[in-house]
Structure formats: C-alpha cells, structure tokens
Amino acid sequence: MRQIVLDTETTGLEWRKGNRVVEIGCVELIERRPTGRTWQQYIHPEREFEPGAQEVTGLTLDFLADKPKFAAIADEFLAFIDGAELVIHNAAFDLGFLDHELSLLGDGYGRIRDRASVLDSLEMARQRFPGQRNSLDALCKRLGVDNSHRQVHGALLDAQLLADAYLAMTAGQTELGLAGPDSGQEQATIVRRPPAASDAPRPRVLVDMSDTAAHEARLATIRKRAGHSVWDVVDAVAEHETA
C-alpha cells in the first residue's frame, strides 16, 4: 500500500475567509516503509497573512514573492498523491484548504478525495488515547518522537514528524520508525510468535550473552517509542502457560 503523509501551512485558519495555502509537504511510505521520496512546495498565496499566522509558520510575503502560485504546481502535486492513502492530522483542515484551492482552478479538478483515500491520524489518536491531548506535539512527546528541532510549523517537517508518530502509534502492525534501510537509524521490527508446529519437545537453544544484551537493547528502543513491545506480551503468555 502506498501512503502519503501530508501537511499544509496557510495564511490563516479559515479558507472560507479567503485564506490560502502557502506550503505543502508530503512524505511517501510504501507498505509502511519510508521510500525517501518527499514532495514539498512553497506557494505564493496572492494575499496577506492573518495576524499571528506568520509567527506560526515563520514565512513572510517577501520570502514567498518569487514562489509559484497554486495553479502552477497543482498538476505536479496531484500526480504525487494520486491513488495513495493520505495520512493527515486533523484532515478536515487540510482538505478544506486543498479542495478550496482546487475549486479556484475550475470544476475539472474535483476534490482531493476523488484522487486519494484519507486516514485522519487525529481521529486515530483520539480513539487510542481518549481524554488526552492529541496534537502533533503531544503525540511526539507521548510516543518518543524527537521534535526538539521544531521551532516553527513547516509542512514538510511536520509531515516527517507525523510519519514517525503514525508509525509508532500503529507499531503493532509492522514496525517502528521513519528510518530507511540506509539511514543509519534504528528500526525496530515487531516479531510475532509462530504457532507450534507439533507437540514434540523443542530443542534447547543456548543464547550468547552478547546476543541477549543486543536483544534487550532493541526491546528498550521499542518500549521507549511505543510504550511496550510484543515480546512483553509473549513473555506474559509464556509465564501464564507455565504457571
């Protein structure tokens, strides 16, 4: 499955008041693994920022003066997300702005959901962590995702952080982390307990101390980022079976 983790930055909070998109950032995942492909574009909004919006994004009209307008980048953007599942935190906000931008180009462009399915990671977080704060910053803190370098909101940076948080939040499905195979970062693979092939006695396996230490270090990484590891469940089941 191809997923695109997506974020936008805007001139204000309401597209209905004429606010526009000033940045789009996308991170590609294939089968929940980062491919290294990203798509990012600053956009000239053709209007002023609302009070406070510049402080949030760190962007200015002077910086955006030579950037393309949305019409110039729409086809490239749509080609990047076409057919994917979009992972968006508070999807209604970003989709509202993007659909508004497409509507300004004419009926032929349709809506984002005409081209991609959408998974709202905020709704997912609310189901998993009910009654808690589930902003991106709160999720990063809860799931052990380092966002200390995030001084202002940026679409690509936020998409990268959300990708890491999303993978950690759904870690029981496959694996943790946004690291690619050549990134040098640790990846933690969830190992599932296979069913017994028969009732025959199993051979005793002696594990070297260095292997045990490496195994415990890997579990510590998983617990730090996800709060637990599948091995914790396996050990609990084993203890129950032998009790």
C-alpha atoms as a PDB file:
ATOM      1  CA  MET A   1       0.000   0.000   0.000  1.00  0.00           C
ATOM      2  CA  ARG A   2       1.222   3.481  -0.876  1.00  0.00           C
ATOM      3  CA  GLN A   3       0.650   6.164   1.740  1.00  0.00           C
ATOM      4  CA  ILE A   4       1.430   9.872   1.635  1.00  0.00           C
ATOM      5  CA  VAL A   5       1.786  11.671   4.959  1.00  0.00           C
ATOM      6  CA  LEU A   6       0.692  15.231   4.210  1.00  0.00           C
ATOM      7  CA  ASP A   7       0.649  18.629   5.891  1.00  0.00           C
ATOM      8  CA  THR A   8      -0.108  22.186   4.785  1.00  0.00           C
ATOM      9  CA  GLU A   9       0.641  25.676   6.058  1.00  0.00           C
ATOM     10  CA  THR A  10      -1.779  28.523   5.387  1.00  0.00           C
ATOM     11  CA  THR A  11      -2.243  32.277   5.709  1.00  0.00           C
ATOM     12  CA  GLY A  12      -4.900  31.786   8.399  1.00  0.00           C
ATOM     13  CA  LEU A  13      -7.291  29.327   9.977  1.00  0.00           C
ATOM     14  CA  GLU A  14     -10.360  29.658   7.711  1.00  0.00           C
ATOM     15  CA  TRP A  15     -10.370  29.055   3.968  1.00  0.00           C
ATOM     16  CA  ARG A  16     -13.924  30.423   3.909  1.00  0.00           C
ATOM     17  CA  LYS A  17     -12.447  33.813   4.815  1.00  0.00           C
ATOM     18  CA  GLY A  18     -10.234  33.737   1.743  1.00  0.00           C
ATOM     19  CA  ASN A  19      -7.119  32.289   3.356  1.00  0.00           C
ATOM     20  CA  ARG A  20      -4.777  30.304   1.122  1.00  0.00           C
ATOM     21  CA  VAL A  21      -2.179  27.547   1.210  1.00  0.00           C
ATOM     22  CA  VAL A  22       1.455  28.727   1.451  1.00  0.00           C
ATOM     23  CA  GLU A  23       3.234  25.362   1.774  1.00  0.00           C
ATOM     24  CA  ILE A  24       2.549  21.668   1.140  1.00  0.00           C
ATOM     25  CA  GLY A  25       4.776  18.897   2.452  1.00  0.00           C
ATOM     26  CA  CYS A  26       4.472  15.167   1.678  1.00  0.00           C
ATOM     27  CA  VAL A  27       6.355  12.042   2.775  1.00  0.00           C
ATOM     28  CA  GLU A  28       5.889   8.753   0.905  1.00  0.00           C
ATOM     29  CA  LEU A  29       5.526   5.357   2.596  1.00  0.00           C
ATOM     30  CA  ILE A  30       5.245   2.036   0.766  1.00  0.00           C
ATOM     31  CA  GLU A  31       3.969  -0.854   2.877  1.00  0.00           C
ATOM     32  CA  ARG A  32       4.635   1.391   5.908  1.00  0.00           C
ATOM     33  CA  ARG A  33       8.277   1.800   4.944  1.00  0.00           C
ATOM     34  CA  PRO A  34       9.683   5.231   4.015  1.00  0.00           C
ATOM     35  CA  THR A  35      10.889   5.344   0.432  1.00  0.00           C
ATOM     36  CA  GLY A  36      12.934   8.517   0.818  1.00  0.00           C
ATOM     37  CA  ARG A  37      10.642  10.316  -1.649  1.00  0.00           C
ATOM     38  CA  THR A  38       9.179  13.599  -0.459  1.00  0.00           C
ATOM     39  CA  TRP A  39       7.342  16.432  -2.169  1.00  0.00           C
ATOM     40  CA  GLN A  40       7.449  19.982  -0.849  1.00  0.00           C
ATOM     41  CA  GLN A  41       6.491  23.335  -2.319  1.00  0.00           C
ATOM     42  CA  TYR A  42       6.219  26.892  -1.056  1.00  0.00           C
ATOM     43  CA  ILE A  43       3.329  28.738  -2.719  1.00  0.00           C
ATOM     44  CA  HIS A  44       2.591  32.400  -3.312  1.00  0.00           C
ATOM     45  CA  PRO A  45      -0.797  32.943  -1.594  1.00  0.00           C
ATOM     46  CA  GLU A  46      -1.866  36.065  -3.517  1.00  0.00           C
ATOM     47  CA  ARG A  47      -2.978  37.671  -0.256  1.00  0.00           C
ATOM     48  CA  GLU A  48      -1.705  38.860   3.138  1.00  0.00           C
ATOM     49  CA  PHE A  49      -1.262  36.655   6.200  1.00  0.00           C
ATOM     50  CA  GLU A  50      -3.773  36.952   9.013  1.00  0.00           C
ATOM     51  CA  PRO A  51      -2.368  38.318  12.296  1.00  0.00           C
ATOM     52  CA  GLY A  52      -0.338  35.634  14.049  1.00  0.00           C
ATOM     53  CA  ALA A  53      -0.086  33.275  11.079  1.00  0.00           C
ATOM     54  CA  GLN A  54       3.407  34.430  10.095  1.00  0.00           C
ATOM     55  CA  GLU A  55       4.684  33.737  13.597  1.00  0.00           C
ATOM     56  CA  VAL A  56       3.344  30.168  13.408  1.00  0.00           C
ATOM     57  CA  THR A  57       4.912  29.344  10.041  1.00  0.00           C
ATOM     58  CA  GLY A  58       7.955  31.620  10.057  1.00  0.00           C
ATOM     59  CA  LEU A  59       7.086  32.540   6.458  1.00  0.00           C
ATOM     60  CA  THR A  60       6.712  36.051   5.035  1.00  0.00           C
ATOM     61  CA  LEU A  61       5.293  37.515   1.858  1.00  0.00           C
ATOM     62  CA  ASP A  62       8.785  38.708   0.955  1.00  0.00           C
ATOM     63  CA  PHE A  63      10.040  35.121   1.092  1.00  0.00           C
ATOM     64  CA  LEU A  64       7.071  33.878  -0.937  1.00  0.00           C
ATOM     65  CA  ALA A  65       7.237  36.674  -3.517  1.00  0.00           C
ATOM     66  CA  ASP A  66       9.066  34.591  -6.136  1.00  0.00           C
ATOM     67  CA  LYS A  67       7.317  31.285  -5.370  1.00  0.00           C
ATOM     68  CA  PRO A  68       4.784  29.788  -7.819  1.00  0.00           C
ATOM     69  CA  LYS A  69       1.055  30.183  -7.376  1.00  0.00           C
ATOM     70  CA  PHE A  70      -1.037  27.098  -6.626  1.00  0.00           C
ATOM     71  CA  ALA A  71      -2.258  26.845 -10.221  1.00  0.00           C
ATOM     72  CA  ALA A  72       1.320  26.343 -11.390  1.00  0.00           C
ATOM     73  CA  ILE A  73       2.034  23.396  -9.073  1.00  0.00           C
ATOM     74  CA  ALA A  74      -1.411  21.753  -8.862  1.00  0.00           C
ATOM     75  CA  ASP A  75      -0.839  19.074 -11.508  1.00  0.00           C
ATOM     76  CA  GLU A  76       2.526  18.024 -10.066  1.00  0.00           C
ATOM     77  CA  PHE A  77       1.067  17.842  -6.568  1.00  0.00           C
ATOM     78  CA  LEU A  78      -1.947  15.816  -7.663  1.00  0.00           C
ATOM     79  CA  ALA A  79       0.264  13.409  -9.602  1.00  0.00           C
ATOM     80  CA  PHE A  80       2.304  12.767  -6.441  1.00  0.00           C
ATOM     81  CA  ILE A  81      -0.707  11.892  -4.277  1.00  0.00           C
ATOM     82  CA  ASP A  82      -2.799  10.160  -6.947  1.00  0.00           C
ATOM     83  CA  GLY A  83      -4.098   6.768  -5.830  1.00  0.00           C
ATOM     84  CA  ALA A  84      -2.445   6.885  -2.400  1.00  0.00           C
ATOM     85  CA  GLU A  85      -3.882   6.832   1.102  1.00  0.00           C
ATOM     86  CA  LEU A  86      -3.282  10.240   2.656  1.00  0.00           C
ATOM     87  CA  VAL A  87      -2.346  10.330   6.347  1.00  0.00           C
ATOM     88  CA  ILE A  88      -3.287  13.782   7.680  1.00  0.00           C
ATOM     89  CA  HIS A  89      -3.536  15.098  11.243  1.00  0.00           C
ATOM     90  CA  ASN A  90      -6.900  16.864  11.509  1.00  0.00           C
ATOM     91  CA  ALA A  91      -7.713  16.050   7.911  1.00  0.00           C
ATOM     92  CA  ALA A  92     -10.750  18.339   7.683  1.00  0.00           C
ATOM     93  CA  PHE A  93      -8.497  21.398   7.992  1.00  0.00           C
ATOM     94  CA  ASP A  94      -6.024  20.478   5.251  1.00  0.00           C
ATOM     95  CA  LEU A  95      -8.644  19.020   2.917  1.00  0.00           C
ATOM     96  CA  GLY A  96     -10.794  22.110   3.279  1.00  0.00           C
ATOM     97  CA  PHE A  97      -7.927  24.311   2.117  1.00  0.00           C
ATOM     98  CA  LEU A  98      -6.768  21.993  -0.663  1.00  0.00           C
ATOM     99  CA  ASP A  99     -10.295  21.478  -2.012  1.00  0.00           C
ATOM    100  CA  HIS A 100     -10.778  25.250  -1.956  1.00  0.00           C
ATOM    101  CA  GLU A 101      -7.561  25.734  -3.938  1.00  0.00           C
ATOM    102  CA  LEU A 102      -8.718  23.154  -6.499  1.00  0.00           C
ATOM    103  CA  SER A 103     -12.131  24.801  -6.772  1.00  0.00           C
ATOM    104  CA  LEU A 104     -10.447  28.050  -7.782  1.00  0.00           C
ATOM    105  CA  LEU A 105      -8.953  26.221 -10.781  1.00  0.00           C
ATOM    106  CA  GLY A 106     -12.307  25.054 -12.130  1.00  0.00           C
ATOM    107  CA  ASP A 107     -14.679  22.114 -11.825  1.00  0.00           C
ATOM    108  CA  GLY A 108     -12.361  19.798 -13.753  1.00  0.00           C
ATOM    109  CA  TYR A 109     -10.023  19.371 -10.793  1.00  0.00           C
ATOM    110  CA  GLY A 110     -12.632  17.934  -8.444  1.00  0.00           C
ATOM    111  CA  ARG A 111     -11.733  17.227  -4.824  1.00  0.00           C
ATOM    112  CA  ILE A 112      -8.826  15.522  -3.072  1.00  0.00           C
ATOM    113  CA  ARG A 113     -10.978  12.520  -2.115  1.00  0.00           C
ATOM    114  CA  ASP A 114     -11.655  11.948  -5.820  1.00  0.00           C
ATOM    115  CA  ARG A 115      -7.981  11.007  -6.181  1.00  0.00           C
ATOM    116  CA  ALA A 116      -6.942   9.543  -2.817  1.00  0.00           C
ATOM    117  CA  SER A 117      -8.396   7.964   0.304  1.00  0.00           C
ATOM    118  CA  VAL A 118      -7.821   9.727   3.627  1.00  0.00           C
ATOM    119  CA  LEU A 119      -6.805   8.498   7.086  1.00  0.00           C
ATOM    120  CA  ASP A 120      -7.173  11.106   9.840  1.00  0.00           C
ATOM    121  CA  SER A 121      -4.393  10.447  12.369  1.00  0.00           C
ATOM    122  CA  LEU A 122      -6.044  12.826  14.853  1.00  0.00           C
ATOM    123  CA  GLU A 123      -9.171  10.668  14.959  1.00  0.00           C
ATOM    124  CA  MET A 124      -6.964   7.599  15.301  1.00  0.00           C
ATOM    125  CA  ALA A 125      -5.094   9.209  18.214  1.00  0.00           C
ATOM    126  CA  ARG A 126      -8.341  10.191  19.947  1.00  0.00           C
ATOM    127  CA  GLN A 127      -9.510   6.584  19.801  1.00  0.00           C
ATOM    128  CA  ARG A 128      -6.225   5.243  21.136  1.00  0.00           C
ATOM    129  CA  PHE A 129      -5.639   7.973  23.749  1.00  0.00           C
ATOM    130  CA  PRO A 130      -9.138   9.159  24.785  1.00  0.00           C
ATOM    131  CA  GLY A 131      -9.309  12.199  27.030  1.00  0.00           C
ATOM    132  CA  GLN A 132      -5.701  13.199  26.332  1.00  0.00           C
ATOM    133  CA  ARG A 133      -4.158  15.968  24.247  1.00  0.00           C
ATOM    134  CA  ASN A 134      -3.519  14.610  20.770  1.00  0.00           C
ATOM    135  CA  SER A 135      -1.838  17.477  18.941  1.00  0.00           C
ATOM    136  CA  LEU A 136       1.220  16.542  16.895  1.00  0.00           C
ATOM    137  CA  ASP A 137       3.496  17.901  19.616  1.00  0.00           C
ATOM    138  CA  ALA A 138       1.649  15.872  22.274  1.00  0.00           C
ATOM    139  CA  LEU A 139       1.882  12.707  20.171  1.00  0.00           C
ATOM    140  CA  CYS A 140       5.591  13.204  19.587  1.00  0.00           C
ATOM    141  CA  LYS A 141       6.176  13.543  23.333  1.00  0.00           C
ATOM    142  CA  ARG A 142       3.984  10.549  24.175  1.00  0.00           C
ATOM    143  CA  LEU A 143       5.489   8.279  21.512  1.00  0.00           C
ATOM    144  CA  GLY A 144       9.122   9.295  21.941  1.00  0.00           C
ATOM    145  CA  VAL A 145       9.473  11.116  18.608  1.00  0.00           C
ATOM    146  CA  ASP A 146      12.169  13.809  18.807  1.00  0.00           C
ATOM    147  CA  ASN A 147      10.712  17.159  17.740  1.00  0.00           C
ATOM    148  CA  SER A 148      13.192  19.377  19.601  1.00  0.00           C
ATOM    149  CA  HIS A 149      14.296  20.917  16.289  1.00  0.00           C
ATOM    150  CA  ARG A 150      10.754  22.137  15.539  1.00  0.00           C
ATOM    151  CA  GLN A 151      10.849  25.876  16.265  1.00  0.00           C
ATOM    152  CA  VAL A 152       8.071  26.859  13.832  1.00  0.00           C
ATOM    153  CA  HIS A 153       5.484  24.929  11.853  1.00  0.00           C
ATOM    154  CA  GLY A 154       6.729  23.765   8.452  1.00  0.00           C
ATOM    155  CA  ALA A 155       4.704  21.491   6.177  1.00  0.00           C
ATOM    156  CA  LEU A 156       7.496  19.068   5.261  1.00  0.00           C
ATOM    157  CA  LEU A 157       8.951  18.976   8.774  1.00  0.00           C
ATOM    158  CA  ASP A 158       5.510  18.370  10.275  1.00  0.00           C
ATOM    159  CA  ALA A 159       4.806  15.646   7.689  1.00  0.00           C
ATOM    160  CA  GLN A 160       8.060  13.923   8.626  1.00  0.00           C
ATOM    161  CA  LEU A 161       7.235  14.119  12.346  1.00  0.00           C
ATOM    162  CA  LEU A 162       3.700  12.880  11.709  1.00  0.00           C
ATOM    163  CA  ALA A 163       5.029   9.955   9.676  1.00  0.00           C
ATOM    164  CA  ASP A 164       7.243   8.931  12.573  1.00  0.00           C
ATOM    165  CA  ALA A 165       4.407   9.376  15.099  1.00  0.00           C
ATOM    166  CA  TYR A 166       1.955   7.475  12.893  1.00  0.00           C
ATOM    167  CA  LEU A 167       4.334   4.526  12.515  1.00  0.00           C
ATOM    168  CA  ALA A 168       4.953   4.472  16.264  1.00  0.00           C
ATOM    169  CA  MET A 169       1.235   4.757  17.049  1.00  0.00           C
ATOM    170  CA  THR A 170       0.426   1.815  14.755  1.00  0.00           C
ATOM    171  CA  ALA A 171       3.590  -0.139  15.533  1.00  0.00           C
ATOM    172  CA  GLY A 172       1.781  -3.397  16.272  1.00  0.00           C
ATOM    173  CA  GLN A 173       1.058  -3.783  12.569  1.00  0.00           C
ATOM    174  CA  THR A 174       4.641  -3.993  11.313  1.00  0.00           C
ATOM    175  CA  GLU A 175       7.486  -1.811  12.545  1.00  0.00           C
ATOM    176  CA  LEU A 176       8.526   1.412  14.216  1.00  0.00           C
ATOM    177  CA  GLY A 177      10.400   4.445  12.997  1.00  0.00           C
ATOM    178  CA  LEU A 178      10.842   6.541   9.888  1.00  0.00           C
ATOM    179  CA  ALA A 179      14.322   5.274   9.173  1.00  0.00           C
ATOM    180  CA  GLY A 180      15.052   3.892   5.728  1.00  0.00           C
ATOM    181  CA  PRO A 181      17.345   0.906   5.176  1.00  0.00           C
ATOM    182  CA  ASP A 182      20.361   3.129   4.586  1.00  0.00           C
ATOM    183  CA  SER A 183      19.566   5.947   7.006  1.00  0.00           C
ATOM    184  CA  GLY A 184      21.703   4.681   9.873  1.00  0.00           C
ATOM    185  CA  GLN A 185      18.753   4.977  12.292  1.00  0.00           C
ATOM    186  CA  GLU A 186      17.459   2.058  14.300  1.00  0.00           C
ATOM    187  CA  GLN A 187      14.400   0.252  13.024  1.00  0.00           C
ATOM    188  CA  ALA A 188      12.519  -1.988  15.398  1.00  0.00           C
ATOM    189  CA  THR A 189      10.764  -4.929  13.775  1.00  0.00           C
ATOM    190  CA  ILE A 190       7.843  -6.497  15.597  1.00  0.00           C
ATOM    191  CA  VAL A 191       8.380 -10.265  15.790  1.00  0.00           C
ATOM    192  CA  ARG A 192       5.236 -12.349  16.146  1.00  0.00           C
ATOM    193  CA  ARG A 193       5.226 -15.671  17.981  1.00  0.00           C
ATOM    194  CA  PRO A 194       4.710 -18.513  15.480  1.00  0.00           C
ATOM    195  CA  PRO A 195       2.305 -21.301  16.374  1.00  0.00           C
ATOM    196  CA  ALA A 196       3.796 -24.609  17.469  1.00  0.00           C
ATOM    197  CA  ALA A 197       4.246 -26.997  14.553  1.00  0.00           C
ATOM    198  CA  SER A 198       3.642 -30.058  16.765  1.00  0.00           C
ATOM    199  CA  ASP A 199       3.633 -31.262  20.345  1.00  0.00           C
ATOM    200  CA  ALA A 200       7.148 -32.679  20.015  1.00  0.00           C
ATOM    201  CA  PRO A 201       9.746 -31.394  22.519  1.00  0.00           C
ATOM    202  CA  ARG A 202      11.618 -28.372  21.213  1.00  0.00           C
ATOM    203  CA  PRO A 203      15.402 -28.343  21.115  1.00  0.00           C
ATOM    204  CA  ARG A 204      17.100 -26.261  23.771  1.00  0.00           C
ATOM    205  CA  VAL A 205      18.826 -23.193  22.346  1.00  0.00           C
ATOM    206  CA  LEU A 206      21.639 -21.540  24.280  1.00  0.00           C
ATOM    207  CA  VAL A 207      21.906 -17.789  23.644  1.00  0.00           C
ATOM    208  CA  ASP A 208      25.218 -15.967  23.793  1.00  0.00           C
ATOM    209  CA  MET A 209      25.386 -13.132  26.378  1.00  0.00           C
ATOM    210  CA  SER A 210      26.172 -10.572  23.676  1.00  0.00           C
ATOM    211  CA  ASP A 211      23.042 -11.619  21.743  1.00  0.00           C
ATOM    212  CA  THR A 212      20.967 -11.294  24.904  1.00  0.00           C
ATOM    213  CA  ALA A 213      22.313  -7.784  25.518  1.00  0.00           C
ATOM    214  CA  ALA A 214      21.588  -6.763  21.917  1.00  0.00           C
ATOM    215  CA  HIS A 215      18.071  -8.179  22.206  1.00  0.00           C
ATOM    216  CA  GLU A 216      17.385  -6.237  25.420  1.00  0.00           C
ATOM    217  CA  ALA A 217      18.740  -3.030  23.865  1.00  0.00           C
ATOM    218  CA  ARG A 218      16.377  -3.444  20.912  1.00  0.00           C
ATOM    219  CA  LEU A 219      13.413  -4.033  23.234  1.00  0.00           C
ATOM    220  CA  ALA A 220      14.340  -0.914  25.211  1.00  0.00           C
ATOM    221  CA  THR A 221      14.186   1.109  21.976  1.00  0.00           C
ATOM    222  CA  ILE A 222      10.751  -0.293  21.139  1.00  0.00           C
ATOM    223  CA  ARG A 223       9.394   0.333  24.655  1.00  0.00           C
ATOM    224  CA  LYS A 224      10.664   3.904  24.627  1.00  0.00           C
ATOM    225  CA  ARG A 225       8.844   4.684  21.393  1.00  0.00           C
ATOM    226  CA  ALA A 226       5.672   2.581  21.717  1.00  0.00           C
ATOM    227  CA  GLY A 227       5.303   2.009  25.458  1.00  0.00           C
ATOM    228  CA  HIS A 228       5.612  -1.774  25.156  1.00  0.00           C
ATOM    229  CA  SER A 229       6.917  -4.496  22.884  1.00  0.00           C
ATOM    230  CA  VAL A 230       5.287  -7.619  21.504  1.00  0.00           C
ATOM    231  CA  TRP A 231       7.907  -9.624  23.387  1.00  0.00           C
ATOM    232  CA  ASP A 232       6.370  -8.333  26.643  1.00  0.00           C
ATOM    233  CA  VAL A 233       3.097  -9.968  25.600  1.00  0.00           C
ATOM    234  CA  VAL A 234       4.893 -13.156  24.531  1.00  0.00           C
ATOM    235  CA  ASP A 235       6.671 -13.383  27.901  1.00  0.00           C
ATOM    236  CA  ALA A 236       3.417 -12.813  29.782  1.00  0.00           C
ATOM    237  CA  VAL A 237       1.704 -15.591  27.804  1.00  0.00           C
ATOM    238  CA  ALA A 238       4.629 -17.925  28.421  1.00  0.00           C
ATOM    239  CA  GLU A 239       4.504 -17.277  32.155  1.00  0.00           C
ATOM    240  CA  HIS A 240       0.748 -17.948  32.165  1.00  0.00           C
ATOM    241  CA  GLU A 241       1.172 -21.206  30.260  1.00  0.00           C
ATOM    242  CA  THR A 242       3.812 -22.488  32.675  1.00  0.00           C
ATOM    243  CA  ALA A 243       2.047 -21.330  35.860  1.00  0.00           C
END
